[in-house]
Amino acid sequence: MIREIRIYGDPVLRAKGKRIEKVDAEIRQLAEDMLETMHGANGVGLAAQQVGETIQLTVVDVSDAENRPSRMWIDGAEVDPKEHMPLILLNPEITLGRETEVGSEGCLSFPEITAEINRPQHVQVRATDLDGKPVVFEAEGLLSRAVQHEFDHLHGVLFIDRMNSASKASLSGRLKRLVAGER
């Protein structure tokens, strides 16, 4: 079922997600709904807060992003990211690399707004899946950026918080309209 995506100004987007202690039918259904919602909106990631749930669950799928490559490693060996999509990550923890790069980001909670955001190029991820099994990988490219973006959502951090002040100032009118419910 496609769920309503919460738009900037909704306080749930600033809520820190609670750890998921037990996977039940409700969590499984939420993950399925989030995947359907993300794909329906042509997104590459979606956090539970974006559909009104304050838990640490995110979904990521970069398999259709041909123009923005991703790299992925599991147990030190490089793998094809497409073979591991979609990712359903519960209670993710990340370790950020030192080198950063600027790249374009958008967010389903900020319709038609994109900005150049500086983020670490490399990320290590540790999470669990819906079966309680560990999900451990490293990523670069769009996958790294998407995981970092969604991890931020799970902690109430939005991509506008990562913008430089000039970018944020240039978007202030559009952001005010989103908060006011105007698109």
N, C-alpha and C. Protein backbone atom coordinates (compact mmCIF):
# COMPACT_ATOMS: atom_id res chain seq x y z
N MET A 1 0.84 -1.18 0.00
CA MET A 1 0.00 0.00 0.00
C MET A 1 0.89 1.24 0.00
N ILE A 2 0.60 2.15 -0.90
CA ILE A 2 1.35 3.40 -0.94
C ILE A 2 0.86 4.30 0.20
N ARG A 3 1.81 4.79 0.96
CA ARG A 3 1.50 5.67 2.09
C ARG A 3 1.79 7.12 1.73
N GLU A 4 1.19 8.01 2.49
CA GLU A 4 1.40 9.44 2.28
C GLU A 4 2.81 9.80 2.74
N ILE A 5 3.53 10.50 1.90
CA ILE A 5 4.87 10.96 2.26
C ILE A 5 4.73 12.30 2.97
N ARG A 6 5.30 12.37 4.16
CA ARG A 6 5.24 13.59 4.96
C ARG A 6 6.16 14.64 4.34
N ILE A 7 5.67 15.87 4.33
CA ILE A 7 6.36 16.98 3.69
C ILE A 7 6.99 17.89 4.76
N TYR A 8 8.10 18.52 4.39
CA TYR A 8 8.80 19.43 5.28
C TYR A 8 7.82 20.33 6.01
N GLY A 9 8.03 20.44 7.30
CA GLY A 9 7.13 21.20 8.17
C GLY A 9 6.39 20.25 9.10
N ASP A 10 6.24 18.99 8.70
CA ASP A 10 5.61 17.98 9.56
C ASP A 10 6.61 17.64 10.66
N PRO A 11 6.22 17.79 11.94
CA PRO A 11 7.16 17.55 13.03
C PRO A 11 7.72 16.13 13.10
N VAL A 12 7.03 15.15 12.53
CA VAL A 12 7.53 13.77 12.57
C VAL A 12 8.87 13.65 11.86
N LEU A 13 9.15 14.53 10.91
CA LEU A 13 10.42 14.48 10.18
C LEU A 13 11.61 14.85 11.07
N ARG A 14 11.35 15.51 12.18
CA ARG A 14 12.42 15.88 13.12
C ARG A 14 12.52 14.90 14.29
N ALA A 15 11.72 13.85 14.28
CA ALA A 15 11.71 12.88 15.38
C ALA A 15 12.80 11.84 15.22
N LYS A 16 13.48 11.55 16.30
CA LYS A 16 14.50 10.49 16.29
C LYS A 16 13.77 9.15 16.40
N GLY A 17 14.13 8.23 15.53
CA GLY A 17 13.46 6.93 15.50
C GLY A 17 13.86 6.04 16.68
N LYS A 18 12.90 5.28 17.17
CA LYS A 18 13.16 4.31 18.23
C LYS A 18 13.71 3.04 17.61
N ARG A 19 14.60 2.37 18.35
CA ARG A 19 15.15 1.09 17.89
C ARG A 19 14.02 0.08 17.75
N ILE A 20 14.15 -0.77 16.76
CA ILE A 20 13.19 -1.85 16.57
C ILE A 20 13.72 -3.05 17.34
N GLU A 21 12.97 -3.49 18.34
CA GLU A 21 13.40 -4.60 19.17
C GLU A 21 12.87 -5.94 18.67
N LYS A 22 11.73 -5.89 17.97
CA LYS A 22 11.11 -7.13 17.51
C LYS A 22 10.44 -6.88 16.16
N VAL A 23 10.70 -7.77 15.22
CA VAL A 23 10.06 -7.66 13.91
C VAL A 23 8.78 -8.49 13.94
N ASP A 24 7.67 -7.80 13.71
CA ASP A 24 6.38 -8.48 13.68
C ASP A 24 5.71 -8.20 12.34
N ALA A 25 4.47 -8.65 12.21
CA ALA A 25 3.74 -8.48 10.95
C ALA A 25 3.58 -6.99 10.59
N GLU A 26 3.43 -6.15 11.60
CA GLU A 26 3.25 -4.72 11.37
C GLU A 26 4.53 -4.10 10.77
N ILE A 27 5.68 -4.48 11.29
CA ILE A 27 6.95 -3.97 10.76
C ILE A 27 7.17 -4.48 9.34
N ARG A 28 6.87 -5.76 9.10
CA ARG A 28 7.04 -6.32 7.76
C ARG A 28 6.13 -5.59 6.76
N GLN A 29 4.90 -5.31 7.16
CA GLN A 29 3.98 -4.61 6.28
C GLN A 29 4.45 -3.18 6.03
N LEU A 30 4.96 -2.53 7.06
CA LEU A 30 5.48 -1.17 6.91
C LEU A 30 6.63 -1.16 5.90
N ALA A 31 7.56 -2.11 6.02
CA ALA A 31 8.69 -2.18 5.08
C ALA A 31 8.20 -2.37 3.65
N GLU A 32 7.23 -3.27 3.47
CA GLU A 32 6.67 -3.50 2.14
C GLU A 32 6.00 -2.23 1.60
N ASP A 33 5.23 -1.56 2.46
CA ASP A 33 4.56 -0.32 2.06
C ASP A 33 5.58 0.76 1.72
N MET A 34 6.66 0.83 2.50
CA MET A 34 7.68 1.84 2.23
C MET A 34 8.36 1.61 0.89
N LEU A 35 8.64 0.35 0.57
CA LEU A 35 9.23 0.05 -0.75
C LEU A 35 8.28 0.48 -1.86
N GLU A 36 7.01 0.13 -1.72
CA GLU A 36 6.02 0.49 -2.73
C GLU A 36 5.89 2.02 -2.86
N THR A 37 5.90 2.70 -1.72
CA THR A 37 5.80 4.16 -1.71
C THR A 37 7.01 4.79 -2.37
N MET A 38 8.21 4.31 -2.00
CA MET A 38 9.46 4.84 -2.57
C MET A 38 9.49 4.64 -4.08
N HIS A 39 9.20 3.42 -4.53
CA HIS A 39 9.21 3.15 -5.97
C HIS A 39 8.15 3.98 -6.69
N GLY A 40 6.97 4.11 -6.10
CA GLY A 40 5.89 4.89 -6.70
C GLY A 40 6.24 6.36 -6.87
N ALA A 41 7.13 6.85 -5.99
CA ALA A 41 7.53 8.26 -6.05
C ALA A 41 8.87 8.44 -6.77
N ASN A 42 9.38 7.35 -7.36
CA ASN A 42 10.67 7.38 -8.07
C ASN A 42 11.82 7.82 -7.18
N GLY A 43 11.80 7.38 -5.92
CA GLY A 43 12.88 7.69 -5.00
C GLY A 43 13.89 6.56 -4.95
N VAL A 44 15.03 6.83 -4.30
CA VAL A 44 16.05 5.80 -4.10
C VAL A 44 16.18 5.43 -2.63
N GLY A 45 15.45 6.13 -1.77
CA GLY A 45 15.47 5.82 -0.34
C GLY A 45 14.26 6.41 0.34
N LEU A 46 13.89 5.81 1.46
CA LEU A 46 12.76 6.31 2.24
C LEU A 46 12.94 5.84 3.68
N ALA A 47 12.79 6.77 4.62
CA ALA A 47 12.89 6.46 6.04
C ALA A 47 11.49 6.42 6.65
N ALA A 48 11.35 5.67 7.73
CA ALA A 48 10.04 5.50 8.38
C ALA A 48 9.41 6.85 8.74
N GLN A 49 10.22 7.82 9.17
CA GLN A 49 9.66 9.13 9.54
C GLN A 49 8.93 9.76 8.36
N GLN A 50 9.37 9.47 7.15
CA GLN A 50 8.75 10.09 5.98
C GLN A 50 7.35 9.55 5.70
N VAL A 51 6.99 8.46 6.36
CA VAL A 51 5.61 7.96 6.26
C VAL A 51 4.94 8.00 7.64
N GLY A 52 5.50 8.81 8.54
CA GLY A 52 4.85 9.08 9.82
C GLY A 52 5.16 8.12 10.95
N GLU A 53 6.16 7.27 10.79
CA GLU A 53 6.51 6.30 11.84
C GLU A 53 7.86 6.67 12.44
N THR A 54 7.96 6.70 13.75
CA THR A 54 9.20 7.12 14.40
C THR A 54 9.99 5.92 14.91
N ILE A 55 10.44 5.12 13.95
CA ILE A 55 11.26 3.95 14.25
C ILE A 55 12.48 3.95 13.32
N GLN A 56 13.46 3.12 13.64
CA GLN A 56 14.69 3.06 12.85
C GLN A 56 14.58 2.00 11.75
N LEU A 57 13.86 2.36 10.71
CA LEU A 57 13.66 1.51 9.54
C LEU A 57 13.79 2.37 8.30
N THR A 58 14.63 1.92 7.38
CA THR A 58 14.77 2.63 6.12
C THR A 58 14.88 1.62 4.98
N VAL A 59 14.48 2.04 3.81
CA VAL A 59 14.61 1.22 2.61
C VAL A 59 15.40 2.02 1.58
N VAL A 60 16.22 1.30 0.80
CA VAL A 60 17.07 1.93 -0.21
C VAL A 60 17.07 1.02 -1.44
N ASP A 61 16.97 1.64 -2.61
CA ASP A 61 17.06 0.88 -3.87
C ASP A 61 17.64 1.80 -4.94
N VAL A 62 18.91 1.58 -5.27
CA VAL A 62 19.58 2.39 -6.29
C VAL A 62 19.70 1.65 -7.61
N SER A 63 18.99 0.55 -7.76
CA SER A 63 19.16 -0.30 -8.94
C SER A 63 18.74 0.37 -10.26
N ASP A 64 17.86 1.36 -10.22
CA ASP A 64 17.43 2.02 -11.45
C ASP A 64 18.17 3.31 -11.74
N ALA A 65 19.13 3.66 -10.91
CA ALA A 65 19.86 4.93 -11.06
C ALA A 65 21.08 4.72 -11.95
N GLU A 66 20.85 4.54 -13.23
CA GLU A 66 21.92 4.26 -14.19
C GLU A 66 22.91 5.42 -14.31
N ASN A 67 22.43 6.65 -14.20
CA ASN A 67 23.29 7.81 -14.40
C ASN A 67 24.07 8.21 -13.15
N ARG A 68 23.83 7.54 -12.02
CA ARG A 68 24.55 7.83 -10.77
C ARG A 68 25.08 6.52 -10.20
N PRO A 69 26.28 6.13 -10.58
CA PRO A 69 26.78 4.81 -10.20
C PRO A 69 27.00 4.64 -8.70
N SER A 70 26.97 3.38 -8.30
CA SER A 70 27.22 2.99 -6.91
C SER A 70 28.23 1.86 -6.90
N ARG A 71 28.97 1.79 -5.81
CA ARG A 71 29.87 0.66 -5.58
C ARG A 71 29.52 0.09 -4.22
N MET A 72 29.69 -1.24 -4.10
CA MET A 72 29.33 -1.93 -2.86
C MET A 72 30.31 -3.06 -2.60
N TRP A 73 30.69 -3.22 -1.34
CA TRP A 73 31.58 -4.29 -0.92
C TRP A 73 30.93 -5.06 0.22
N ILE A 74 31.03 -6.37 0.16
CA ILE A 74 30.59 -7.24 1.25
C ILE A 74 31.76 -8.14 1.60
N ASP A 75 32.12 -8.16 2.87
CA ASP A 75 33.29 -8.93 3.34
C ASP A 75 34.55 -8.60 2.53
N GLY A 76 34.71 -7.33 2.18
CA GLY A 76 35.90 -6.89 1.48
C GLY A 76 35.91 -7.12 -0.02
N ALA A 77 34.92 -7.85 -0.53
CA ALA A 77 34.86 -8.15 -1.97
C ALA A 77 33.83 -7.24 -2.64
N GLU A 78 34.22 -6.63 -3.77
CA GLU A 78 33.27 -5.77 -4.47
C GLU A 78 32.19 -6.63 -5.11
N VAL A 79 30.94 -6.18 -4.98
CA VAL A 79 29.78 -6.89 -5.53
C VAL A 79 28.96 -5.91 -6.36
N ASP A 80 28.06 -6.45 -7.16
CA ASP A 80 27.16 -5.62 -7.95
C ASP A 80 26.02 -5.16 -7.04
N PRO A 81 25.91 -3.85 -6.77
CA PRO A 81 24.85 -3.38 -5.88
C PRO A 81 23.44 -3.82 -6.30
N LYS A 82 23.21 -3.91 -7.63
CA LYS A 82 21.87 -4.27 -8.11
C LYS A 82 21.42 -5.64 -7.58
N GLU A 83 22.39 -6.53 -7.34
CA GLU A 83 22.06 -7.86 -6.86
C GLU A 83 21.63 -7.87 -5.39
N HIS A 84 21.79 -6.74 -4.71
CA HIS A 84 21.46 -6.67 -3.28
C HIS A 84 20.34 -5.67 -3.00
N MET A 85 19.68 -5.21 -4.04
CA MET A 85 18.58 -4.25 -3.89
C MET A 85 17.25 -4.98 -3.94
N PRO A 86 16.23 -4.48 -3.28
CA PRO A 86 16.28 -3.34 -2.37
C PRO A 86 16.86 -3.75 -1.02
N LEU A 87 17.41 -2.76 -0.32
CA LEU A 87 17.90 -2.97 1.04
C LEU A 87 16.83 -2.53 2.02
N ILE A 88 16.59 -3.35 3.01
CA ILE A 88 15.71 -3.00 4.13
C ILE A 88 16.61 -3.02 5.35
N LEU A 89 16.81 -1.86 5.95
CA LEU A 89 17.77 -1.71 7.04
C LEU A 89 17.05 -1.33 8.33
N LEU A 90 17.20 -2.18 9.35
CA LEU A 90 16.66 -1.92 10.67
C LEU A 90 17.80 -1.54 11.60
N ASN A 91 17.60 -0.50 12.38
CA ASN A 91 18.57 -0.04 13.37
C ASN A 91 19.97 0.13 12.78
N PRO A 92 20.09 0.82 11.64
CA PRO A 92 21.41 0.93 11.01
C PRO A 92 22.38 1.77 11.83
N GLU A 93 23.64 1.38 11.73
CA GLU A 93 24.75 2.15 12.28
C GLU A 93 25.71 2.37 11.12
N ILE A 94 26.30 3.56 11.06
CA ILE A 94 27.21 3.83 9.96
C ILE A 94 28.53 4.38 10.48
N THR A 95 29.58 4.10 9.72
CA THR A 95 30.90 4.67 9.97
C THR A 95 31.28 5.40 8.69
N LEU A 96 31.59 6.67 8.84
CA LEU A 96 31.85 7.52 7.69
C LEU A 96 33.33 7.57 7.35
N GLY A 97 33.62 7.56 6.05
CA GLY A 97 34.99 7.74 5.58
C GLY A 97 35.42 9.18 5.76
N ARG A 98 36.70 9.44 5.57
CA ARG A 98 37.24 10.78 5.79
C ARG A 98 37.10 11.70 4.58
N GLU A 99 37.30 11.15 3.38
CA GLU A 99 37.24 11.99 2.17
C GLU A 99 35.80 12.31 1.84
N THR A 100 35.57 13.57 1.48
CA THR A 100 34.20 13.99 1.17
C THR A 100 34.09 14.39 -0.30
N GLU A 101 32.85 14.49 -0.75
CA GLU A 101 32.57 14.96 -2.09
C GLU A 101 31.21 15.66 -2.09
N VAL A 102 31.07 16.60 -2.98
CA VAL A 102 29.80 17.32 -3.13
C VAL A 102 29.00 16.62 -4.21
N GLY A 103 27.71 16.41 -3.94
CA GLY A 103 26.83 15.78 -4.91
C GLY A 103 25.42 16.28 -4.77
N SER A 104 24.66 16.11 -5.83
CA SER A 104 23.27 16.56 -5.85
C SER A 104 22.39 15.61 -5.05
N GLU A 105 21.52 16.19 -4.23
CA GLU A 105 20.55 15.41 -3.46
C GLU A 105 19.18 16.06 -3.56
N GLY A 106 18.20 15.19 -3.52
CA GLY A 106 16.82 15.62 -3.39
C GLY A 106 16.22 14.80 -2.26
N CYS A 107 14.96 15.04 -1.97
CA CYS A 107 14.30 14.32 -0.89
C CYS A 107 12.81 14.29 -1.18
N LEU A 108 12.21 13.12 -1.01
CA LEU A 108 10.78 12.99 -1.28
C LEU A 108 9.93 13.87 -0.36
N SER A 109 10.49 14.29 0.77
CA SER A 109 9.77 15.18 1.70
C SER A 109 9.96 16.66 1.34
N PHE A 110 10.73 16.92 0.30
CA PHE A 110 10.98 18.27 -0.21
C PHE A 110 10.75 18.26 -1.72
N PRO A 111 9.49 18.16 -2.16
CA PRO A 111 9.22 18.02 -3.60
C PRO A 111 9.90 19.11 -4.44
N GLU A 112 10.54 18.65 -5.50
CA GLU A 112 11.14 19.52 -6.50
C GLU A 112 12.26 20.42 -5.97
N ILE A 113 12.86 20.04 -4.85
CA ILE A 113 13.99 20.80 -4.32
C ILE A 113 15.21 19.89 -4.33
N THR A 114 16.30 20.38 -4.90
CA THR A 114 17.57 19.67 -4.88
C THR A 114 18.65 20.65 -4.44
N ALA A 115 19.75 20.09 -3.96
CA ALA A 115 20.86 20.94 -3.55
C ALA A 115 22.14 20.13 -3.60
N GLU A 116 23.24 20.83 -3.67
CA GLU A 116 24.56 20.21 -3.62
C GLU A 116 24.92 20.04 -2.14
N ILE A 117 25.18 18.79 -1.74
CA ILE A 117 25.46 18.48 -0.34
C ILE A 117 26.83 17.80 -0.26
N ASN A 118 27.63 18.23 0.70
CA ASN A 118 28.94 17.63 0.93
C ASN A 118 28.78 16.49 1.93
N ARG A 119 29.20 15.29 1.51
CA ARG A 119 29.12 14.11 2.38
C ARG A 119 30.37 13.25 2.19
N PRO A 120 30.68 12.40 3.17
CA PRO A 120 31.77 11.45 2.97
C PRO A 120 31.50 10.56 1.75
N GLN A 121 32.58 10.26 1.01
CA GLN A 121 32.45 9.42 -0.18
C GLN A 121 32.14 7.97 0.18
N HIS A 122 32.69 7.51 1.29
CA HIS A 122 32.64 6.09 1.65
C HIS A 122 31.89 5.93 2.97
N VAL A 123 31.11 4.87 3.05
CA VAL A 123 30.39 4.58 4.30
C VAL A 123 30.43 3.08 4.56
N GLN A 124 30.56 2.73 5.83
CA GLN A 124 30.41 1.34 6.27
C GLN A 124 29.07 1.26 6.99
N VAL A 125 28.31 0.21 6.69
CA VAL A 125 26.96 0.08 7.24
C VAL A 125 26.82 -1.25 7.97
N ARG A 126 26.17 -1.18 9.12
CA ARG A 126 25.84 -2.37 9.89
C ARG A 126 24.39 -2.21 10.33
N ALA A 127 23.55 -3.18 9.97
CA ALA A 127 22.14 -3.14 10.31
C ALA A 127 21.64 -4.57 10.42
N THR A 128 20.34 -4.72 10.61
CA THR A 128 19.73 -6.05 10.54
C THR A 128 18.62 -6.01 9.51
N ASP A 129 18.26 -7.19 8.99
CA ASP A 129 17.17 -7.26 8.03
C ASP A 129 15.90 -7.72 8.74
N LEU A 130 14.85 -7.95 7.99
CA LEU A 130 13.56 -8.33 8.58
C LEU A 130 13.59 -9.70 9.25
N ASP A 131 14.61 -10.52 8.94
CA ASP A 131 14.75 -11.83 9.56
C ASP A 131 15.71 -11.81 10.74
N GLY A 132 16.16 -10.61 11.12
CA GLY A 132 17.08 -10.48 12.24
C GLY A 132 18.52 -10.82 11.89
N LYS A 133 18.79 -11.00 10.60
CA LYS A 133 20.15 -11.31 10.15
C LYS A 133 20.94 -10.02 9.95
N PRO A 134 22.26 -10.08 10.22
CA PRO A 134 23.06 -8.88 10.01
C PRO A 134 23.20 -8.52 8.54
N VAL A 135 23.17 -7.22 8.27
CA VAL A 135 23.43 -6.67 6.95
C VAL A 135 24.65 -5.78 7.13
N VAL A 136 25.77 -6.17 6.53
CA VAL A 136 27.01 -5.43 6.69
C VAL A 136 27.61 -5.21 5.30
N PHE A 137 27.88 -3.96 4.97
CA PHE A 137 28.47 -3.65 3.67
C PHE A 137 29.16 -2.30 3.71
N GLU A 138 29.93 -2.03 2.68
CA GLU A 138 30.54 -0.72 2.47
C GLU A 138 30.03 -0.20 1.14
N ALA A 139 29.97 1.11 1.01
CA ALA A 139 29.42 1.69 -0.21
C ALA A 139 30.11 2.99 -0.58
N GLU A 140 30.06 3.29 -1.88
CA GLU A 140 30.46 4.58 -2.42
C GLU A 140 29.45 4.96 -3.49
N GLY A 141 29.54 6.19 -3.95
CA GLY A 141 28.63 6.65 -4.99
C GLY A 141 27.25 6.93 -4.44
N LEU A 142 26.26 6.75 -5.29
CA LEU A 142 24.88 7.07 -4.90
C LEU A 142 24.43 6.23 -3.71
N LEU A 143 24.82 4.97 -3.65
CA LEU A 143 24.41 4.13 -2.52
C LEU A 143 24.92 4.70 -1.20
N SER A 144 26.16 5.15 -1.17
CA SER A 144 26.71 5.76 0.04
C SER A 144 25.92 7.01 0.42
N ARG A 145 25.66 7.86 -0.57
CA ARG A 145 24.92 9.10 -0.33
C ARG A 145 23.50 8.81 0.16
N ALA A 146 22.83 7.83 -0.47
CA ALA A 146 21.45 7.50 -0.09
C ALA A 146 21.38 6.94 1.34
N VAL A 147 22.32 6.06 1.68
CA VAL A 147 22.33 5.50 3.03
C VAL A 147 22.55 6.61 4.07
N GLN A 148 23.49 7.50 3.80
CA GLN A 148 23.74 8.61 4.74
C GLN A 148 22.52 9.50 4.88
N HIS A 149 21.86 9.81 3.76
CA HIS A 149 20.67 10.66 3.75
C HIS A 149 19.56 10.02 4.60
N GLU A 150 19.33 8.71 4.39
CA GLU A 150 18.26 8.02 5.13
C GLU A 150 18.64 7.84 6.60
N PHE A 151 19.90 7.57 6.89
CA PHE A 151 20.36 7.48 8.27
C PHE A 151 20.07 8.79 9.00
N ASP A 152 20.37 9.91 8.33
CA ASP A 152 20.05 11.22 8.92
C ASP A 152 18.57 11.32 9.27
N HIS A 153 17.69 10.91 8.34
CA HIS A 153 16.24 10.97 8.60
C HIS A 153 15.89 10.22 9.88
N LEU A 154 16.51 9.07 10.10
CA LEU A 154 16.19 8.26 11.27
C LEU A 154 16.57 8.96 12.57
N HIS A 155 17.38 10.02 12.46
CA HIS A 155 17.81 10.76 13.64
C HIS A 155 17.29 12.20 13.62
N GLY A 156 16.29 12.46 12.79
CA GLY A 156 15.65 13.77 12.75
C GLY A 156 16.45 14.85 12.04
N VAL A 157 17.46 14.44 11.27
CA VAL A 157 18.30 15.38 10.53
C VAL A 157 17.83 15.38 9.07
N LEU A 158 17.63 16.57 8.53
CA LEU A 158 17.16 16.71 7.15
C LEU A 158 18.28 17.23 6.26
N PHE A 159 18.16 16.94 4.96
CA PHE A 159 19.24 17.33 4.06
C PHE A 159 19.46 18.83 4.01
N ILE A 160 18.45 19.62 4.32
CA ILE A 160 18.65 21.07 4.37
C ILE A 160 19.60 21.46 5.51
N ASP A 161 19.69 20.61 6.54
CA ASP A 161 20.62 20.87 7.64
C ASP A 161 22.06 20.70 7.19
N ARG A 162 22.27 20.01 6.09
CA ARG A 162 23.62 19.75 5.56
C ARG A 162 24.00 20.74 4.46
N MET A 163 23.06 21.61 4.07
CA MET A 163 23.34 22.59 3.02
C MET A 163 24.23 23.70 3.55
N ASN A 164 24.98 24.32 2.64
CA ASN A 164 25.70 25.52 3.07
C ASN A 164 24.69 26.65 3.21
N SER A 165 25.06 27.67 3.93
CA SER A 165 24.12 28.75 4.25
C SER A 165 23.59 29.46 3.01
N ALA A 166 24.42 29.61 1.98
CA ALA A 166 23.97 30.29 0.76
C ALA A 166 22.88 29.48 0.07
N SER A 167 23.06 28.16 -0.02
CA SER A 167 22.04 27.31 -0.65
C SER A 167 20.73 27.37 0.12
N LYS A 168 20.84 27.27 1.44
CA LYS A 168 19.63 27.29 2.27
C LYS A 168 18.92 28.64 2.14
N ALA A 169 19.68 29.72 2.12
CA ALA A 169 19.09 31.05 1.98
C ALA A 169 18.37 31.19 0.64
N SER A 170 18.96 30.63 -0.42
CA SER A 170 18.33 30.74 -1.73
C SER A 170 17.03 29.95 -1.82
N LEU A 171 16.87 28.97 -0.94
CA LEU A 171 15.65 28.14 -0.94
C LEU A 171 14.63 28.58 0.11
N SER A 172 14.92 29.62 0.86
CA SER A 172 14.07 29.96 2.01
C SER A 172 12.61 30.19 1.63
N GLY A 173 12.36 30.84 0.52
CA GLY A 173 10.97 31.08 0.10
C GLY A 173 10.24 29.78 -0.21
N ARG A 174 10.91 28.87 -0.91
CA ARG A 174 10.30 27.58 -1.24
C ARG A 174 10.06 26.75 0.02
N LEU A 175 11.00 26.80 0.96
CA LEU A 175 10.84 26.06 2.21
C LEU A 175 9.67 26.59 3.02
N LYS A 176 9.51 27.91 3.06
CA LYS A 176 8.38 28.52 3.78
C LYS A 176 7.06 28.09 3.15
N ARG A 177 7.02 28.00 1.82
CA ARG A 177 5.79 27.57 1.15
C ARG A 177 5.46 26.11 1.49
N LEU A 178 6.49 25.25 1.58
CA LEU A 178 6.25 23.85 1.97
C LEU A 178 5.66 23.78 3.38
N VAL A 179 6.23 24.54 4.30
CA VAL A 179 5.73 24.54 5.69
C VAL A 179 4.29 25.03 5.71
N ALA A 180 3.97 25.98 4.86
CA ALA A 180 2.61 26.54 4.80
C ALA A 180 1.64 25.60 4.08
N GLY A 181 2.16 24.49 3.55
CA GLY A 181 1.28 23.55 2.85
C GLY A 181 1.07 23.85 1.39
N GLU A 182 1.87 24.77 0.86
CA GLU A 182 1.78 25.12 -0.56
C GLU A 182 2.86 24.38 -1.31
N ARG A 183 2.54 23.90 -2.47
CA ARG A 183 3.58 23.22 -3.27
C ARG A 183 3.66 23.94 -4.54
